[in-house]
């Protein structure tokens, strides 16, 4: 049996859905809770109750996102790129958006993998804190370095829209 040499990166607490799903989940929760509070609770609890309801609503959205999050495994070998059990030919990948993990200290996961077919895979962190995690940052730096070598990508631009959304805004691709 031939041993396959594969580089593996395990990312925890991420969603593989597009970032806009956070807004899609949050909007109905906010509308429902605040309409209910405005109808029933405003005359009893006033504005202090409104602040408490706001914090509880953010907690509900955070809980929903945490329940939807999972651990994924990204891997490389000589011909394929793996995301969990799905494998993609390296020639199918057009490029990726992510933070510049090599030159900047960042430990927030925000990676969008773009394919020539138009498909996009968004890998987003569900830990919203801005604290720096040394282990996660090292893992992300190693992933980006390996991706740049294996895919022969170069950093070639920055997306203003993704930067405004606090997502990985640097484009790494062949062009």
Protein backbone atom coordinates (compact mmCIF):
# COMPACT_ATOMS: atom_id res chain seq x y z
CA UNK A 1 0.00 0.00 0.00
CA UNK A 2 1.32 3.41 -0.99
CA UNK A 3 1.39 6.10 1.71
CA UNK A 4 -0.11 9.44 0.72
CA UNK A 5 1.71 12.52 1.97
CA UNK A 6 -1.00 15.00 2.94
CA UNK A 7 -0.86 18.28 4.86
CA UNK A 8 -3.89 18.60 7.15
CA UNK A 9 -5.31 21.67 8.92
CA UNK A 10 -8.18 21.29 11.40
CA UNK A 11 -10.29 24.41 11.95
CA UNK A 12 -12.82 24.43 14.78
CA UNK A 13 -15.98 26.49 15.36
CA UNK A 14 -16.49 27.57 11.75
CA UNK A 15 -19.46 27.77 9.43
CA UNK A 16 -19.22 26.84 5.80
CA UNK A 17 -22.21 28.99 4.84
CA UNK A 18 -21.84 32.44 3.29
CA UNK A 19 -21.39 35.31 5.71
CA UNK A 20 -24.74 36.85 4.77
CA UNK A 21 -26.47 33.92 6.56
CA UNK A 22 -25.56 35.62 9.83
CA UNK A 23 -27.77 38.53 8.80
CA UNK A 24 -30.48 36.21 7.47
CA UNK A 25 -30.59 34.43 10.84
CA UNK A 26 -30.36 37.63 12.87
CA UNK A 27 -33.03 39.72 11.17
CA UNK A 28 -36.07 37.52 11.98
CA UNK A 29 -34.84 37.05 15.55
CA UNK A 30 -34.43 40.81 16.05
CA UNK A 31 -37.77 41.68 14.46
CA UNK A 32 -39.70 39.04 16.42
CA UNK A 33 -38.14 39.86 19.78
CA UNK A 34 -38.43 43.63 19.45
CA UNK A 35 -42.00 43.56 18.15
CA UNK A 36 -42.96 41.34 21.06
CA UNK A 37 -41.17 43.62 23.52
CA UNK A 38 -42.72 46.74 22.00
CA UNK A 39 -46.19 45.25 22.25
CA UNK A 40 -46.03 43.65 25.70
CA UNK A 41 -43.00 44.76 27.68
CA UNK A 42 -42.34 48.44 27.00
CA UNK A 43 -44.86 49.77 29.51
CA UNK A 44 -43.55 47.50 32.29
CA UNK A 45 -39.78 47.55 31.83
CA UNK A 46 -39.06 50.78 29.90
CA UNK A 47 -35.73 51.48 28.24
CA UNK A 48 -33.66 49.43 30.69
CA UNK A 49 -35.70 46.42 29.62
CA UNK A 50 -34.99 47.34 26.00
CA UNK A 51 -31.25 47.15 26.67
CA UNK A 52 -31.65 43.78 28.40
CA UNK A 53 -33.75 42.47 25.49
CA UNK A 54 -31.10 43.68 23.03
CA UNK A 55 -28.35 41.79 24.88
CA UNK A 56 -30.52 38.67 25.11
CA UNK A 57 -31.26 38.86 21.39
CA UNK A 58 -27.55 39.01 20.58
CA UNK A 59 -27.11 35.99 22.88
CA UNK A 60 -29.80 34.06 20.99
CA UNK A 61 -28.16 34.80 17.64
CA UNK A 62 -24.75 33.80 19.02
CA UNK A 63 -26.24 30.54 20.35
CA UNK A 64 -27.81 29.73 16.96
CA UNK A 65 -24.52 30.38 15.16
CA UNK A 66 -22.59 28.26 17.68
CA UNK A 67 -25.05 25.39 17.17
CA UNK A 68 -24.54 25.62 13.39
CA UNK A 69 -20.75 25.71 13.67
CA UNK A 70 -18.57 22.66 13.22
CA UNK A 71 -14.99 21.56 12.84
CA UNK A 72 -13.64 21.08 9.35
CA UNK A 73 -10.44 19.59 8.01
CA UNK A 74 -8.58 21.19 5.11
CA UNK A 75 -5.94 19.09 3.41
CA UNK A 76 -3.53 19.10 0.49
CA UNK A 77 -1.80 16.35 -1.38
CA UNK A 78 -0.01 16.34 -4.71
CA UNK A 79 -3.17 16.50 -6.87
CA UNK A 80 -6.17 17.36 -4.69
CA UNK A 81 -7.43 19.84 -2.12
CA UNK A 82 -9.70 18.37 0.56
CA UNK A 83 -12.45 19.95 2.63
CA UNK A 84 -13.64 17.25 5.04
CA UNK A 85 -14.55 14.32 2.76
CA UNK A 86 -14.92 16.40 -0.42
CA UNK A 87 -11.95 16.51 -2.74
CA UNK A 88 -11.31 19.08 -5.42
CA UNK A 89 -8.73 19.01 -8.16
CA UNK A 90 -6.18 21.78 -7.62
CA UNK A 91 -6.64 23.03 -11.19
CA UNK A 92 -10.32 23.81 -10.42
CA UNK A 93 -9.44 26.46 -7.83
CA UNK A 94 -9.26 30.00 -9.20
CA UNK A 95 -8.12 31.74 -6.02
CA UNK A 96 -9.05 32.62 -2.49
CA UNK A 97 -9.87 35.58 -0.31
CA UNK A 98 -8.50 35.63 3.21
CA UNK A 99 -6.65 37.81 5.68
CA UNK A 100 -2.93 38.29 5.21
CA UNK A 101 -2.05 35.81 7.93
CA UNK A 102 1.64 35.85 6.99
CA UNK A 103 2.33 39.57 7.49
CA UNK A 104 -0.33 40.47 10.06
CA UNK A 105 -1.19 38.95 13.42
CA UNK A 106 -4.74 37.69 12.88
CA UNK A 107 -6.45 34.64 14.30
CA UNK A 108 -9.95 35.19 12.89
CA UNK A 109 -10.88 32.58 10.28
CA UNK A 110 -12.25 34.11 7.10
CA UNK A 111 -11.46 32.19 3.92
CA UNK A 112 -13.41 32.19 0.67
CA UNK A 113 -12.30 29.62 -1.91
CA UNK A 114 -13.34 30.46 -5.49
CA UNK A 115 -13.57 27.90 -8.28
CA UNK A 116 -13.46 28.40 -12.04
CA UNK A 117 -16.99 26.95 -12.20
CA UNK A 118 -18.27 29.93 -10.18
CA UNK A 119 -18.76 27.94 -6.97
CA UNK A 120 -17.58 29.59 -3.75
CA UNK A 121 -16.91 28.01 -0.38
CA UNK A 122 -16.94 30.44 2.53
CA UNK A 123 -15.26 29.35 5.77
CA UNK A 124 -16.05 31.82 8.55
CA UNK A 125 -15.16 31.85 12.23
CA UNK A 126 -17.99 31.88 14.78
CA UNK A 127 -15.78 33.25 17.56
CA UNK A 128 -16.50 36.97 17.33
CA UNK A 129 -13.93 38.12 19.87
CA UNK A 130 -10.93 40.11 18.75
CA UNK A 131 -8.53 38.30 21.06
CA UNK A 132 -5.42 36.90 19.44
CA UNK A 133 -4.98 33.13 19.61
CA UNK A 134 -1.35 32.14 18.98
CA UNK A 135 -2.14 28.50 18.10
CA UNK A 136 -4.92 29.36 15.65
CA UNK A 137 -2.79 32.11 14.06
CA UNK A 138 0.06 29.65 13.51
CA UNK A 139 -2.33 27.17 11.93
CA UNK A 140 -3.77 29.82 9.59
CA UNK A 141 -0.30 31.08 8.65
CA UNK A 142 0.77 27.52 7.84
CA UNK A 143 -2.38 26.97 5.79
CA UNK A 144 -1.86 30.16 3.76
CA UNK A 145 1.82 29.42 3.12
CA UNK A 146 1.00 25.88 1.99
CA UNK A 147 -1.86 27.11 -0.23
CA UNK A 148 0.38 29.72 -1.86
CA UNK A 149 3.02 27.09 -2.64
CA UNK A 150 0.68 24.29 -3.75
CA UNK A 151 -1.63 26.45 -5.88
CA UNK A 152 1.15 28.79 -7.07
CA UNK A 153 -0.89 31.80 -5.92
CA UNK A 154 0.32 35.32 -5.32
CA UNK A 155 -1.26 38.17 -3.38
CA UNK A 156 -2.67 40.48 -6.00
CA UNK A 157 -5.29 42.79 -4.54
CA UNK A 158 -7.71 43.78 -1.82
CA UNK A 159 -11.51 43.83 -1.93
CA UNK A 160 -12.94 46.99 -0.40
CA UNK A 161 -16.36 45.42 0.14
CA UNK A 162 -14.93 42.44 2.03
CA UNK A 163 -12.71 44.78 4.07
CA UNK A 164 -15.74 46.86 5.10
CA UNK A 165 -17.51 43.66 6.23
CA UNK A 166 -14.44 42.71 8.30
CA UNK A 167 -13.85 39.61 6.17
CA UNK A 168 -10.62 38.36 4.67
CA UNK A 169 -10.15 40.91 1.93
CA UNK A 170 -6.87 39.95 0.24
CA UNK A 171 -7.09 38.09 -3.07
CA UNK A 172 -4.62 35.30 -3.71
CA UNK A 173 -4.65 33.92 -7.23
CA UNK A 174 -2.70 33.33 -10.41
CA UNK A 175 -3.56 36.67 -11.98
